[in-house]
PDB file of N, CA and C in Angstrom:
ATOM      1  N   MET A   1      25.361   2.914  19.900  1.00  0.00           N
ATOM      2  CA  MET A   1      25.081   2.124  18.661  1.00  0.00           C
ATOM      3  C   MET A   1      26.356   1.768  18.034  1.00  0.00           C
ATOM      4  N   LEU A   2      26.409   0.700  17.807  1.00  0.00           N
ATOM      5  CA  LEU A   2      27.508  -0.048  17.189  1.00  0.00           C
ATOM      6  C   LEU A   2      28.246   0.637  15.846  1.00  0.00           C
ATOM      7  N   GLU A   3      29.358   0.755  15.575  1.00  0.00           N
ATOM      8  CA  GLU A   3      29.815   1.670  14.385  1.00  0.00           C
ATOM      9  C   GLU A   3      29.571   0.984  13.211  1.00  0.00           C
ATOM     10  N   THR A   4      29.293  -0.357  13.131  1.00  0.00           N
ATOM     11  CA  THR A   4      28.796  -1.079  11.979  1.00  0.00           C
ATOM     12  C   THR A   4      27.291  -0.585  11.799  1.00  0.00           C
ATOM     13  N   SER A   5      26.560  -0.539  12.783  1.00  0.00           N
ATOM     14  CA  SER A   5      25.013  -0.003  12.803  1.00  0.00           C
ATOM     15  C   SER A   5      25.110   1.458  12.076  1.00  0.00           C
ATOM     16  N   ARG A   6      25.872   2.206  12.553  1.00  0.00           N
ATOM     17  CA  ARG A   6      25.992   3.751  11.981  1.00  0.00           C
ATOM     18  C   ARG A   6      26.293   3.651  10.259  1.00  0.00           C
ATOM     19  N   LEU A   7      27.211   2.913  10.034  1.00  0.00           N
ATOM     20  CA  LEU A   7      27.559   2.680   8.607  1.00  0.00           C
ATOM     21  C   LEU A   7      26.210   2.188   8.100  1.00  0.00           C
ATOM     22  N   TRP A   8      25.738   1.049   8.405  1.00  0.00           N
ATOM     23  CA  TRP A   8      24.536   0.490   7.867  1.00  0.00           C
ATOM     24  C   TRP A   8      23.415   1.519   7.537  1.00  0.00           C
ATOM     25  N   ARG A   9      23.212   2.439   8.572  1.00  0.00           N
ATOM     26  CA  ARG A   9      22.199   3.346   8.712  1.00  0.00           C
ATOM     27  C   ARG A   9      22.518   4.500   7.469  1.00  0.00           C
ATOM     28  N   GLU A  10      23.620   4.717   7.465  1.00  0.00           N
ATOM     29  CA  GLU A  10      24.135   5.777   6.480  1.00  0.00           C
ATOM     30  C   GLU A  10      23.946   5.154   5.091  1.00  0.00           C
ATOM     31  N   VAL A  11      24.378   3.813   4.808  1.00  0.00           N
ATOM     32  CA  VAL A  11      24.307   3.375   3.462  1.00  0.00           C
ATOM     33  C   VAL A  11      22.802   3.178   3.149  1.00  0.00           C
ATOM     34  N   VAL A  12      21.817   2.842   4.052  1.00  0.00           N
ATOM     35  CA  VAL A  12      20.428   2.692   3.740  1.00  0.00           C
ATOM     36  C   VAL A  12      19.873   3.941   3.295  1.00  0.00           C
ATOM     37  N   ILE A  13      20.290   4.991   4.105  1.00  0.00           N
ATOM     38  CA  ILE A  13      19.572   6.269   3.747  1.00  0.00           C
ATOM     39  C   ILE A  13      20.033   6.701   2.307  1.00  0.00           C
ATOM     40  N   ARG A  14      21.345   6.764   2.043  1.00  0.00           N
ATOM     41  CA  ARG A  14      21.865   7.146   0.860  1.00  0.00           C
ATOM     42  C   ARG A  14      21.193   6.201  -0.263  1.00  0.00           C
ATOM     43  N   VAL A  15      21.122   4.854  -0.259  1.00  0.00           N
ATOM     44  CA  VAL A  15      20.681   4.156  -1.255  1.00  0.00           C
ATOM     45  C   VAL A  15      19.112   4.616  -1.469  1.00  0.00           C
ATOM     46  N   ARG A  16      18.396   4.596  -0.569  1.00  0.00           N
ATOM     47  CA  ARG A  16      17.173   4.903  -0.568  1.00  0.00           C
ATOM     48  C   ARG A  16      16.843   6.365  -1.394  1.00  0.00           C
ATOM     49  N   ASP A  17      17.487   7.300  -0.593  1.00  0.00           N
ATOM     50  CA  ASP A  17      17.501   8.664  -1.263  1.00  0.00           C
ATOM     51  C   ASP A  17      17.799   8.555  -2.932  1.00  0.00           C
ATOM     52  N   GLU A  18      18.989   7.826  -3.274  1.00  0.00           N
ATOM     53  CA  GLU A  18      19.393   8.091  -4.592  1.00  0.00           C
ATOM     54  C   GLU A  18      18.443   6.951  -5.651  1.00  0.00           C
ATOM     55  N   GLU A  19      18.011   5.914  -5.110  1.00  0.00           N
ATOM     56  CA  GLU A  19      17.435   4.954  -5.849  1.00  0.00           C
ATOM     57  C   GLU A  19      16.153   4.776  -5.533  1.00  0.00           C
ATOM     58  N   PHE A  20      15.417   5.069  -4.546  1.00  0.00           N
ATOM     59  CA  PHE A  20      14.101   4.632  -4.182  1.00  0.00           C
ATOM     60  C   PHE A  20      13.378   5.742  -3.378  1.00  0.00           C
ATOM     61  N   PRO A  21      13.639   6.962  -3.796  1.00  0.00           N
ATOM     62  CA  PRO A  21      13.232   8.273  -3.035  1.00  0.00           C
ATOM     63  C   PRO A  21      11.388   8.076  -2.716  1.00  0.00           C
ATOM     64  N   SER A  22      10.669   7.201  -3.542  1.00  0.00           N
ATOM     65  CA  SER A  22       9.382   7.296  -3.275  1.00  0.00           C
ATOM     66  C   SER A  22       8.889   6.311  -2.198  1.00  0.00           C
ATOM     67  N   ILE A  23       9.857   5.468  -1.681  1.00  0.00           N
ATOM     68  CA  ILE A  23       9.440   4.361  -0.858  1.00  0.00           C
ATOM     69  C   ILE A  23       9.901   4.913   0.539  1.00  0.00           C
ATOM     70  N   PRO A  24       8.731   4.813   1.536  1.00  0.00           N
ATOM     71  CA  PRO A  24       9.058   5.231   2.974  1.00  0.00           C
ATOM     72  C   PRO A  24      10.053   4.335   3.526  1.00  0.00           C
ATOM     73  N   LEU A  25      11.024   5.081   4.435  1.00  0.00           N
ATOM     74  CA  LEU A  25      11.920   4.390   5.290  1.00  0.00           C
ATOM     75  C   LEU A  25      11.594   4.891   6.779  1.00  0.00           C
ATOM     76  N   GLU A  26      11.710   3.860   7.568  1.00  0.00           N
ATOM     77  CA  GLU A  26      11.591   3.949   9.028  1.00  0.00           C
ATOM     78  C   GLU A  26      12.536   3.063   9.560  1.00  0.00           C
ATOM     79  N   HIS A  27      13.341   3.977  10.590  1.00  0.00           N
ATOM     80  CA  HIS A  27      14.489   2.932  11.472  1.00  0.00           C
ATOM     81  C   HIS A  27      13.845   2.546  12.683  1.00  0.00           C
ATOM     82  N   VAL A  28      13.925   1.436  12.942  1.00  0.00           N
ATOM     83  CA  VAL A  28      13.410   0.841  14.145  1.00  0.00           C
ATOM     84  C   VAL A  28      14.443  -0.155  14.856  1.00  0.00           C
ATOM     85  N   LEU A  29      14.615   0.112  16.080  1.00  0.00           N
ATOM     86  CA  LEU A  29      15.772  -0.664  16.613  1.00  0.00           C
ATOM     87  C   LEU A  29      15.092  -2.279  16.805  1.00  0.00           C
ATOM     88  N   VAL A  30      15.984  -3.239  16.840  1.00  0.00           N
ATOM     89  CA  VAL A  30      15.733  -4.606  16.512  1.00  0.00           C
ATOM     90  C   VAL A  30      14.776  -5.272  17.766  1.00  0.00           C
ATOM     91  N   ASP A  31      14.938  -4.705  18.941  1.00  0.00           N
ATOM     92  CA  ASP A  31      13.943  -5.298  19.833  1.00  0.00           C
ATOM     93  C   ASP A  31      12.630  -4.665  19.742  1.00  0.00           C
ATOM     94  N   ASN A  32      12.460  -3.467  19.461  1.00  0.00           N
ATOM     95  CA  ASN A  32      11.223  -2.946  19.028  1.00  0.00           C
ATOM     96  C   ASN A  32      10.566  -3.545  17.644  1.00  0.00           C
ATOM     97  N   ALA A  33      11.457  -3.983  16.679  1.00  0.00           N
ATOM     98  CA  ALA A  33      10.999  -4.496  15.591  1.00  0.00           C
ATOM     99  C   ALA A  33      10.440  -5.978  15.749  1.00  0.00           C
ATOM    100  N   ALA A  34      11.237  -6.617  16.725  1.00  0.00           N
ATOM    101  CA  ALA A  34      10.762  -8.080  17.159  1.00  0.00           C
ATOM    102  C   ALA A  34       9.344  -7.737  17.946  1.00  0.00           C
ATOM    103  N   MET A  35       9.209  -7.021  18.653  1.00  0.00           N
ATOM    104  CA  MET A  35       7.876  -6.972  19.454  1.00  0.00           C
ATOM    105  C   MET A  35       6.884  -6.532  18.355  1.00  0.00           C
ATOM    106  N   GLN A  36       6.974  -5.695  17.495  1.00  0.00           N
ATOM    107  CA  GLN A  36       5.864  -5.107  16.592  1.00  0.00           C
ATOM    108  C   GLN A  36       5.770  -6.373  15.784  1.00  0.00           C
ATOM    109  N   LEU A  37       6.807  -7.240  15.132  1.00  0.00           N
ATOM    110  CA  LEU A  37       6.576  -8.366  14.521  1.00  0.00           C
ATOM    111  C   LEU A  37       5.586  -9.189  15.067  1.00  0.00           C
ATOM    112  N   VAL A  38       5.570  -9.654  16.114  1.00  0.00           N
ATOM    113  CA  VAL A  38       4.876 -10.363  16.917  1.00  0.00           C
ATOM    114  C   VAL A  38       3.522 -10.008  17.129  1.00  0.00           C
ATOM    115  N   SER A  39       3.229  -8.651  17.554  1.00  0.00           N
ATOM    116  CA  SER A  39       2.160  -7.896  17.919  1.00  0.00           C
ATOM    117  C   SER A  39       1.323  -7.389  16.651  1.00  0.00           C
ATOM    118  N   ALA A  40       2.064  -6.947  15.652  1.00  0.00           N
ATOM    119  CA  ALA A  40       1.330  -6.567  14.387  1.00  0.00           C
ATOM    120  C   ALA A  40       2.139  -6.930  13.227  1.00  0.00           C
ATOM    121  N   PRO A  41       2.190  -8.133  12.682  1.00  0.00           N
ATOM    122  CA  PRO A  41       3.139  -8.525  11.595  1.00  0.00           C
ATOM    123  C   PRO A  41       2.433  -7.754  10.318  1.00  0.00           C
ATOM    124  N   SER A  42       1.327  -7.553  10.340  1.00  0.00           N
ATOM    125  CA  SER A  42       0.972  -6.744   8.780  1.00  0.00           C
ATOM    126  C   SER A  42       1.485  -5.467   8.820  1.00  0.00           C
ATOM    127  N   ARG A  43       2.202  -4.875   9.913  1.00  0.00           N
ATOM    128  CA  ARG A  43       2.735  -3.463   9.723  1.00  0.00           C
ATOM    129  C   ARG A  43       3.667  -3.434   8.813  1.00  0.00           C
ATOM    130  N   PHE A  44       4.578  -4.686   8.416  1.00  0.00           N
ATOM    131  CA  PHE A  44       5.684  -4.616   7.704  1.00  0.00           C
ATOM    132  C   PHE A  44       5.223  -5.260   6.293  1.00  0.00           C
ATOM    133  N   ASP A  45       5.813  -4.669   5.404  1.00  0.00           N
ATOM    134  CA  ASP A  45       5.874  -5.110   3.951  1.00  0.00           C
ATOM    135  C   ASP A  45       7.231  -5.682   3.700  1.00  0.00           C
ATOM    136  N   VAL A  46       8.368  -5.031   4.064  1.00  0.00           N
ATOM    137  CA  VAL A  46       9.626  -5.551   3.892  1.00  0.00           C
ATOM    138  C   VAL A  46      10.554  -5.073   5.017  1.00  0.00           C
ATOM    139  N   ILE A  47      11.455  -5.842   5.506  1.00  0.00           N
ATOM    140  CA  ILE A  47      12.307  -5.568   6.523  1.00  0.00           C
ATOM    141  C   ILE A  47      13.832  -5.547   6.032  1.00  0.00           C
ATOM    142  N   VAL A  48      14.402  -4.608   5.908  1.00  0.00           N
ATOM    143  CA  VAL A  48      15.834  -4.665   5.295  1.00  0.00           C
ATOM    144  C   VAL A  48      16.632  -4.516   6.818  1.00  0.00           C
ATOM    145  N   THR A  49      17.525  -5.265   6.913  1.00  0.00           N
ATOM    146  CA  THR A  49      18.497  -5.392   7.999  1.00  0.00           C
ATOM    147  C   THR A  49      19.814  -6.078   7.778  1.00  0.00           C
ATOM    148  N   GLU A  50      20.749  -5.959   8.483  1.00  0.00           N
ATOM    149  CA  GLU A  50      21.903  -6.853   8.413  1.00  0.00           C
ATOM    150  C   GLU A  50      21.936  -8.087   8.852  1.00  0.00           C
ATOM    151  N   ASN A  51      22.709  -8.905   8.426  1.00  0.00           N
ATOM    152  CA  ASN A  51      22.579 -10.442   8.647  1.00  0.00           C
ATOM    153  C   ASN A  51      22.248 -10.909  10.007  1.00  0.00           C
ATOM    154  N   MET A  52      22.814 -10.481  11.063  1.00  0.00           N
ATOM    155  CA  MET A  52      22.602 -10.944  12.356  1.00  0.00           C
ATOM    156  C   MET A  52      21.174 -10.729  12.810  1.00  0.00           C
ATOM    157  N   PHE A  53      20.916  -9.349  12.642  1.00  0.00           N
ATOM    158  CA  PHE A  53      19.296  -9.152  13.006  1.00  0.00           C
ATOM    159  C   PHE A  53      18.590  -9.595  12.204  1.00  0.00           C
ATOM    160  N   GLY A  54      18.789  -9.944  10.868  1.00  0.00           N
ATOM    161  CA  GLY A  54      17.811 -10.493   9.999  1.00  0.00           C
ATOM    162  C   GLY A  54      17.566 -11.863  10.388  1.00  0.00           C
ATOM    163  N   ASP A  55      18.618 -12.652  10.618  1.00  0.00           N
ATOM    164  CA  ASP A  55      18.575 -13.944  11.182  1.00  0.00           C
ATOM    165  C   ASP A  55      17.529 -14.192  12.425  1.00  0.00           C
ATOM    166  N   ILE A  56      17.619 -13.266  13.351  1.00  0.00           N
ATOM    167  CA  ILE A  56      16.800 -13.277  14.370  1.00  0.00           C
ATOM    168  C   ILE A  56      15.405 -13.017  14.030  1.00  0.00           C
ATOM    169  N   LEU A  57      15.346 -11.810  13.233  1.00  0.00           N
ATOM    170  CA  LEU A  57      13.797 -11.580  12.922  1.00  0.00           C
ATOM    171  C   LEU A  57      13.100 -12.561  12.040  1.00  0.00           C
ATOM    172  N   SER A  58      14.045 -13.118  11.069  1.00  0.00           N
ATOM    173  CA  SER A  58      13.254 -13.983  10.161  1.00  0.00           C
ATOM    174  C   SER A  58      12.750 -15.289  10.776  1.00  0.00           C
ATOM    175  N   ASP A  59      13.626 -15.790  11.710  1.00  0.00           N
ATOM    176  CA  ASP A  59      13.209 -16.826  12.598  1.00  0.00           C
ATOM    177  C   ASP A  59      11.943 -16.551  13.407  1.00  0.00           C
ATOM    178  N   GLU A  60      11.807 -15.293  14.059  1.00  0.00           N
ATOM    179  CA  GLU A  60      10.593 -15.048  14.630  1.00  0.00           C
ATOM    180  C   GLU A  60       9.523 -14.844  13.694  1.00  0.00           C
ATOM    181  N   ALA A  61       9.631 -14.272  12.561  1.00  0.00           N
ATOM    182  CA  ALA A  61       8.613 -14.044  11.699  1.00  0.00           C
ATOM    183  C   ALA A  61       8.080 -15.591  11.088  1.00  0.00           C
ATOM    184  N   ALA A  62       9.049 -16.575  11.103  1.00  0.00           N
ATOM    185  CA  ALA A  62       8.689 -17.798  10.503  1.00  0.00           C
ATOM    186  C   ALA A  62       7.712 -18.454  11.496  1.00  0.00           C
ATOM    187  N   MET A  63       7.950 -18.324  12.753  1.00  0.00           N
ATOM    188  CA  MET A  63       6.997 -19.022  13.689  1.00  0.00           C
ATOM    189  C   MET A  63       5.776 -18.216  13.761  1.00  0.00           C
ATOM    190  N   ILE A  64       5.492 -17.189  13.255  1.00  0.00           N
ATOM    191  CA  ILE A  64       4.091 -16.538  12.937  1.00  0.00           C
ATOM    192  C   ILE A  64       3.155 -17.575  12.018  1.00  0.00           C
ATOM    193  N   THR A  65       3.957 -18.112  11.009  1.00  0.00           N
ATOM    194  CA  THR A  65       3.285 -19.104  10.336  1.00  0.00           C
ATOM    195  C   THR A  65       3.097 -20.179  10.858  1.00  0.00           C
ATOM    196  N   GLY A  66       3.763 -20.649  11.973  1.00  0.00           N
ATOM    197  CA  GLY A  66       3.481 -21.986  12.816  1.00  0.00           C
ATOM    198  C   GLY A  66       4.688 -22.698  12.615  1.00  0.00           C
ATOM    199  N   SER A  67       5.639 -22.661  11.760  1.00  0.00           N
ATOM    200  CA  SER A  67       6.805 -23.359  11.579  1.00  0.00           C
ATOM    201  C   SER A  67       7.867 -22.809  10.945  1.00  0.00           C
ATOM    202  N   ILE A  68       9.082 -22.893  11.599  1.00  0.00           N
ATOM    203  CA  ILE A  68      10.246 -22.288  10.827  1.00  0.00           C
ATOM    204  C   ILE A  68      10.663 -23.216   9.500  1.00  0.00           C
ATOM    205  N   ALA A  69      10.113 -24.318   9.367  1.00  0.00           N
ATOM    206  CA  ALA A  69      10.382 -25.205   8.281  1.00  0.00           C
ATOM    207  C   ALA A  69       9.709 -24.862   6.997  1.00  0.00           C
ATOM    208  N   CYS A  70       8.746 -23.865   7.236  1.00  0.00           N
ATOM    209  CA  CYS A  70       7.890 -23.539   6.017  1.00  0.00           C
ATOM    210  C   CYS A  70       8.317 -22.159   5.440  1.00  0.00           C
ATOM    211  N   SER A  71       9.355 -21.496   5.879  1.00  0.00           N
ATOM    212  CA  SER A  71       9.761 -20.222   5.395  1.00  0.00           C
ATOM    213  C   SER A  71      11.221 -20.125   4.673  1.00  0.00           C
ATOM    214  N   ARG A  72      11.251 -19.193   3.769  1.00  0.00           N
ATOM    215  CA  ARG A  72      12.454 -19.018   2.869  1.00  0.00           C
ATOM    216  C   ARG A  72      12.830 -17.531   2.965  1.00  0.00           C
ATOM    217  N   ALA A  73      14.059 -17.483   2.762  1.00  0.00           N
ATOM    218  CA  ALA A  73      14.522 -15.895   2.778  1.00  0.00           C
ATOM    219  C   ALA A  73      15.399 -15.768   1.452  1.00  0.00           C
ATOM    220  N   ARG A  74      15.351 -14.173   1.282  1.00  0.00           N
ATOM    221  CA  ARG A  74      16.117 -14.051  -0.106  1.00  0.00           C
ATOM    222  C   ARG A  74      17.472 -13.004   0.574  1.00  0.00           C
ATOM    223  N   ARG A  75      18.434 -13.145  -0.079  1.00  0.00           N
ATOM    224  CA  ARG A  75      19.644 -12.348   0.184  1.00  0.00           C
ATOM    225  C   ARG A  75      19.998 -11.584  -1.096  1.00  0.00           C
ATOM    226  N   SER A  76      19.754 -10.304  -1.206  1.00  0.00           N
ATOM    227  CA  SER A  76      19.928  -9.718  -2.423  1.00  0.00           C
ATOM    228  C   SER A  76      21.255  -9.054  -2.393  1.00  0.00           C
ATOM    229  N   GLY A  77      21.707  -8.611  -3.488  1.00  0.00           N
ATOM    230  CA  GLY A  77      22.704  -7.735  -4.045  1.00  0.00           C
ATOM    231  C   GLY A  77      22.644  -7.166  -5.335  1.00  0.00           C
ATOM    232  N   GLY A  78      23.580  -7.118  -6.041  1.00  0.00           N
ATOM    233  CA  GLY A  78      23.465  -6.688  -7.348  1.00  0.00           C
ATOM    234  C   GLY A  78      23.003  -7.638  -8.430  1.00  0.00           C
ATOM    235  N   GLY A  79      23.092  -8.898  -8.065  1.00  0.00           N
ATOM    236  CA  GLY A  79      22.422 -10.062  -9.124  1.00  0.00           C
ATOM    237  C   GLY A  79      21.145 -10.421  -8.669  1.00  0.00           C
ATOM    238  N   PRO A  80      20.711 -11.717  -9.093  1.00  0.00           N
ATOM    239  CA  PRO A  80      19.446 -12.103  -8.805  1.00  0.00           C
ATOM    240  C   PRO A  80      19.096 -12.494  -7.466  1.00  0.00           C
ATOM    241  N   GLY A  81      20.218 -12.624  -6.626  1.00  0.00           N
ATOM    242  CA  GLY A  81      19.572 -12.993  -5.158  1.00  0.00           C
ATOM    243  C   GLY A  81      20.070 -14.506  -4.774  1.00  0.00           C
ATOM    244  N   LEU A  82      20.187 -14.640  -3.707  1.00  0.00           N
ATOM    245  CA  LEU A  82      20.354 -16.063  -2.953  1.00  0.00           C
ATOM    246  C   LEU A  82      19.145 -16.375  -2.279  1.00  0.00           C
ATOM    247  N   PHE A  83      18.537 -17.692  -2.425  1.00  0.00           N
ATOM    248  CA  PHE A  83      17.139 -18.066  -1.896  1.00  0.00           C
ATOM    249  C   PHE A  83      17.681 -19.234  -0.908  1.00  0.00           C
ATOM    250  N   GLU A  84      17.035 -19.326   0.272  1.00  0.00           N
ATOM    251  CA  GLU A  84      17.367 -20.556   1.195  1.00  0.00           C
ATOM    252  C   GLU A  84      16.297 -20.501   2.235  1.00  0.00           C
ATOM    253  N   PRO A  85      16.175 -21.872   2.750  1.00  0.00           N
ATOM    254  CA  PRO A  85      15.427 -22.036   3.919  1.00  0.00           C
ATOM    255  C   PRO A  85      15.911 -21.148   5.034  1.00  0.00           C
ATOM    256  N   VAL A  86      14.972 -20.696   5.887  1.00  0.00           N
ATOM    257  CA  VAL A  86      15.406 -19.933   6.951  1.00  0.00           C
ATOM    258  C   VAL A  86      15.970 -20.908   8.095  1.00  0.00           C
ATOM    259  N   HIS A  87      15.614 -21.955   8.096  1.00  0.00           N
ATOM    260  CA  HIS A  87      16.071 -22.908   9.236  1.00  0.00           C
ATOM    261  C   HIS A  87      17.514 -23.301   8.888  1.00  0.00           C
ATOM    262  N   GLY A  88      18.041 -23.977  10.023  1.00  0.00           N
ATOM    263  CA  GLY A  88      19.253 -24.494   9.874  1.00  0.00           C
ATOM    264  C   GLY A  88      19.290 -25.879   9.177  1.00  0.00           C
ATOM    265  N   SER A  89      20.480 -26.501   9.440  1.00  0.00           N
ATOM    266  CA  SER A  89      20.765 -27.833   8.418  1.00  0.00           C
ATOM    267  C   SER A  89      20.084 -28.887   9.390  1.00  0.00           C
ATOM    268  N   ALA A  90      19.711 -28.636  10.645  1.00  0.00           N
ATOM    269  CA  ALA A  90      19.129 -29.824  11.327  1.00  0.00           C
ATOM    270  C   ALA A  90      19.849 -30.941  11.590  1.00  0.00           C
ATOM    271  N   PRO A  91      20.937 -31.080  12.194  1.00  0.00           N
ATOM    272  CA  PRO A  91      21.962 -32.022  12.014  1.00  0.00           C
ATOM    273  C   PRO A  91      21.281 -33.163  13.144  1.00  0.00           C
ATOM    274  N   ASP A  92      20.515 -32.669  13.944  1.00  0.00           N
ATOM    275  CA  ASP A  92      19.789 -33.707  14.950  1.00  0.00           C
ATOM    276  C   ASP A  92      18.817 -34.620  14.213  1.00  0.00           C
ATOM    277  N   ILE A  93      18.429 -34.299  13.216  1.00  0.00           N
ATOM    278  CA  ILE A  93      17.303 -35.130  12.625  1.00  0.00           C
ATOM    279  C   ILE A  93      17.880 -35.681  11.031  1.00  0.00           C
ATOM    280  N   ALA A  94      19.261 -35.416  10.962  1.00  0.00           N
ATOM    281  CA  ALA A  94      19.811 -35.878   9.790  1.00  0.00           C
ATOM    282  C   ALA A  94      19.509 -37.433   9.418  1.00  0.00           C
ATOM    283  N   GLY A  95      19.229 -37.782   8.334  1.00  0.00           N
ATOM    284  CA  GLY A  95      19.229 -39.477   7.873  1.00  0.00           C
ATOM    285  C   GLY A  95      17.845 -39.944   8.393  1.00  0.00           C
ATOM    286  N   GLN A  96      17.091 -39.384   9.230  1.00  0.00           N
ATOM    287  CA  GLN A  96      15.872 -40.103   9.748  1.00  0.00           C
ATOM    288  C   GLN A  96      14.681 -39.943   8.667  1.00  0.00           C
ATOM    289  N   GLY A  97      14.933 -39.248   7.784  1.00  0.00           N
ATOM    290  CA  GLY A  97      13.627 -38.969   6.882  1.00  0.00           C
ATOM    291  C   GLY A  97      12.481 -38.071   7.293  1.00  0.00           C
ATOM    292  N   ILE A  98      12.643 -37.227   8.451  1.00  0.00           N
ATOM    293  CA  ILE A  98      11.562 -36.491   8.857  1.00  0.00           C
ATOM    294  C   ILE A  98      11.674 -34.945   8.803  1.00  0.00           C
ATOM    295  N   ALA A  99      12.676 -34.609   7.952  1.00  0.00           N
ATOM    296  CA  ALA A  99      12.863 -33.274   7.859  1.00  0.00           C
ATOM    297  C   ALA A  99      11.503 -32.957   6.765  1.00  0.00           C
ATOM    298  N   ASN A 100      11.189 -31.355   7.172  1.00  0.00           N
ATOM    299  CA  ASN A 100      10.197 -30.896   6.205  1.00  0.00           C
ATOM    300  C   ASN A 100      10.867 -30.105   4.977  1.00  0.00           C
ATOM    301  N   PRO A 101      10.847 -30.635   3.791  1.00  0.00           N
ATOM    302  CA  PRO A 101      11.206 -30.067   2.588  1.00  0.00           C
ATOM    303  C   PRO A 101      10.682 -28.750   2.063  1.00  0.00           C
ATOM    304  N   LEU A 102       9.543 -28.387   2.455  1.00  0.00           N
ATOM    305  CA  LEU A 102       8.730 -27.466   2.075  1.00  0.00           C
ATOM    306  C   LEU A 102       9.434 -25.958   1.808  1.00  0.00           C
ATOM    307  N   ALA A 103      10.241 -25.401   2.834  1.00  0.00           N
ATOM    308  CA  ALA A 103      11.040 -24.267   2.515  1.00  0.00           C
ATOM    309  C   ALA A 103      11.991 -24.290   1.460  1.00  0.00           C
ATOM    310  N   MET A 104      12.616 -25.630   1.202  1.00  0.00           N
ATOM    311  CA  MET A 104      13.607 -25.718   0.315  1.00  0.00           C
ATOM    312  C   MET A 104      12.871 -25.607  -1.122  1.00  0.00           C
ATOM    313  N   PHE A 105      11.916 -26.215  -1.297  1.00  0.00           N
ATOM    314  CA  PHE A 105      11.109 -26.068  -2.554  1.00  0.00           C
ATOM    315  C   PHE A 105      10.602 -24.690  -2.680  1.00  0.00           C
ATOM    316  N   LEU A 106      10.098 -24.057  -1.911  1.00  0.00           N
ATOM    317  CA  LEU A 106       9.738 -22.598  -1.928  1.00  0.00           C
ATOM    318  C   LEU A 106      10.853 -21.792  -2.370  1.00  0.00           C
ATOM    319  N   SER A 107      11.966 -22.094  -1.775  1.00  0.00           N
ATOM    320  CA  SER A 107      13.113 -21.235  -2.146  1.00  0.00           C
ATOM    321  C   SER A 107      13.614 -21.557  -3.487  1.00  0.00           C
ATOM    322  N   VAL A 108      13.589 -22.725  -4.066  1.00  0.00           N
ATOM    323  CA  VAL A 108      13.978 -23.095  -5.306  1.00  0.00           C
ATOM    324  C   VAL A 108      12.889 -22.375  -6.271  1.00  0.00           C
ATOM    325  N   ARG A 109      11.593 -22.583  -6.053  1.00  0.00           N
ATOM    326  CA  ARG A 109      10.567 -21.786  -6.758  1.00  0.00           C
ATOM    327  C   ARG A 109      11.043 -20.188  -6.865  1.00  0.00           C
ATOM    328  N   CYS A 110      11.197 -19.584  -5.815  1.00  0.00           N
ATOM    329  CA  CYS A 110      11.345 -18.248  -5.853  1.00  0.00           C
ATOM    330  C   CYS A 110      12.784 -17.927  -6.564  1.00  0.00           C
ATOM    331  N   SER A 111      13.799 -18.756  -6.501  1.00  0.00           N
ATOM    332  CA  SER A 111      14.896 -18.395  -7.163  1.00  0.00           C
ATOM    333  C   SER A 111      14.793 -18.543  -8.599  1.00  0.00           C
ATOM    334  N   CYS A 112      14.008 -19.662  -9.161  1.00  0.00           N
ATOM    335  CA  CYS A 112      13.725 -19.926 -10.613  1.00  0.00           C
ATOM    336  C   CYS A 112      12.902 -18.682 -11.262  1.00  0.00           C
ATOM    337  N   ALA A 113      11.839 -18.279 -10.219  1.00  0.00           N
ATOM    338  CA  ALA A 113      11.007 -17.153 -10.862  1.00  0.00           C
ATOM    339  C   ALA A 113      11.825 -15.677 -10.909  1.00  0.00           C
ATOM    340  N   THR A 114      12.445 -15.638  -9.731  1.00  0.00           N
ATOM    341  CA  THR A 114      13.311 -14.284  -9.893  1.00  0.00           C
ATOM    342  C   THR A 114      14.512 -14.368 -10.890  1.00  0.00           C
ATOM    343  N   GLY A 115      15.216 -15.511 -10.836  1.00  0.00           N
ATOM    344  CA  GLY A 115      16.263 -15.367 -11.587  1.00  0.00           C
ATOM    345  C   GLY A 115      15.872 -15.126 -13.002  1.00  0.00           C
ATOM    346  N   SER A 116      14.811 -15.732 -13.610  1.00  0.00           N
ATOM    347  CA  SER A 116      14.396 -15.626 -14.939  1.00  0.00           C
ATOM    348  C   SER A 116      14.034 -14.145 -15.181  1.00  0.00           C
ATOM    349  N   ALA A 117      13.215 -13.536 -14.253  1.00  0.00           N
ATOM    350  CA  ALA A 117      13.013 -12.125 -14.321  1.00  0.00           C
ATOM    351  C   ALA A 117      14.197 -11.164 -14.347  1.00  0.00           C
ATOM    352  N   TRP A 118      15.088 -11.432 -13.326  1.00  0.00           N
ATOM    353  CA  TRP A 118      16.405 -10.773 -13.399  1.00  0.00           C
ATOM    354  C   TRP A 118      17.115 -10.873 -14.784  1.00  0.00           C
ATOM    355  N   ARG A 119      17.246 -12.351 -15.402  1.00  0.00           N
ATOM    356  CA  ARG A 119      17.934 -12.318 -16.683  1.00  0.00           C
ATOM    357  C   ARG A 119      17.236 -11.427 -17.736  1.00  0.00           C
ATOM    358  N   SER A 120      16.021 -11.422 -17.635  1.00  0.00           N
ATOM    359  CA  SER A 120      15.302 -10.669 -18.682  1.00  0.00           C
ATOM    360  C   SER A 120      15.349  -9.241 -18.760  1.00  0.00           C
ATOM    361  N   ARG A 121      15.790  -8.563 -17.489  1.00  0.00           N
ATOM    362  CA  ARG A 121      15.933  -7.278 -17.288  1.00  0.00           C
ATOM    363  C   ARG A 121      17.324  -6.737 -17.352  1.00  0.00           C
ATOM    364  N   ARG A 122      18.395  -7.693 -17.450  1.00  0.00           N
ATOM    365  CA  ARG A 122      19.749  -7.302 -17.190  1.00  0.00           C
ATOM    366  C   ARG A 122      20.102  -6.819 -18.741  1.00  0.00           C
ATOM    367  N   PRO A 123      20.973  -5.748 -19.039  1.00  0.00           N
ATOM    368  CA  PRO A 123      21.442  -5.462 -20.059  1.00  0.00           C
ATOM    369  C   PRO A 123      22.230  -6.718 -20.872  1.00  0.00           C
ATOM    370  N   ARG A 124      22.070  -6.646 -22.186  1.00  0.00           N
ATOM    371  CA  ARG A 124      22.729  -7.599 -22.881  1.00  0.00           C
ATOM    372  C   ARG A 124      24.054  -7.085 -23.622  1.00  0.00           C
TER     373      ARG A 124
END
């Protein structure tokens, strides 16, 4: 196991134990998670992973809906989070007027909804 993966696991366990003890936690290797995501996607409510594995799994999960162009992702930290389409910039179709903007609209919607909820919860 990579040293960064060991650190990731330690931090996830500590944060879950200290802040979210009632939430079940299961560690799954990324290849197994990918297989389960395709064969039984409803098994997952939330997947928490580091960036590279998250990119791979979010692309795979997006295809379950039929198109990577319809999916968005949230990157969270201490603030309201960053929302973005999970697809790339698609330079091969730039300027042709054929890109599907749905994921960008969904990202903006989630950002606005979550951002306003975060602002109402933060201390003043």
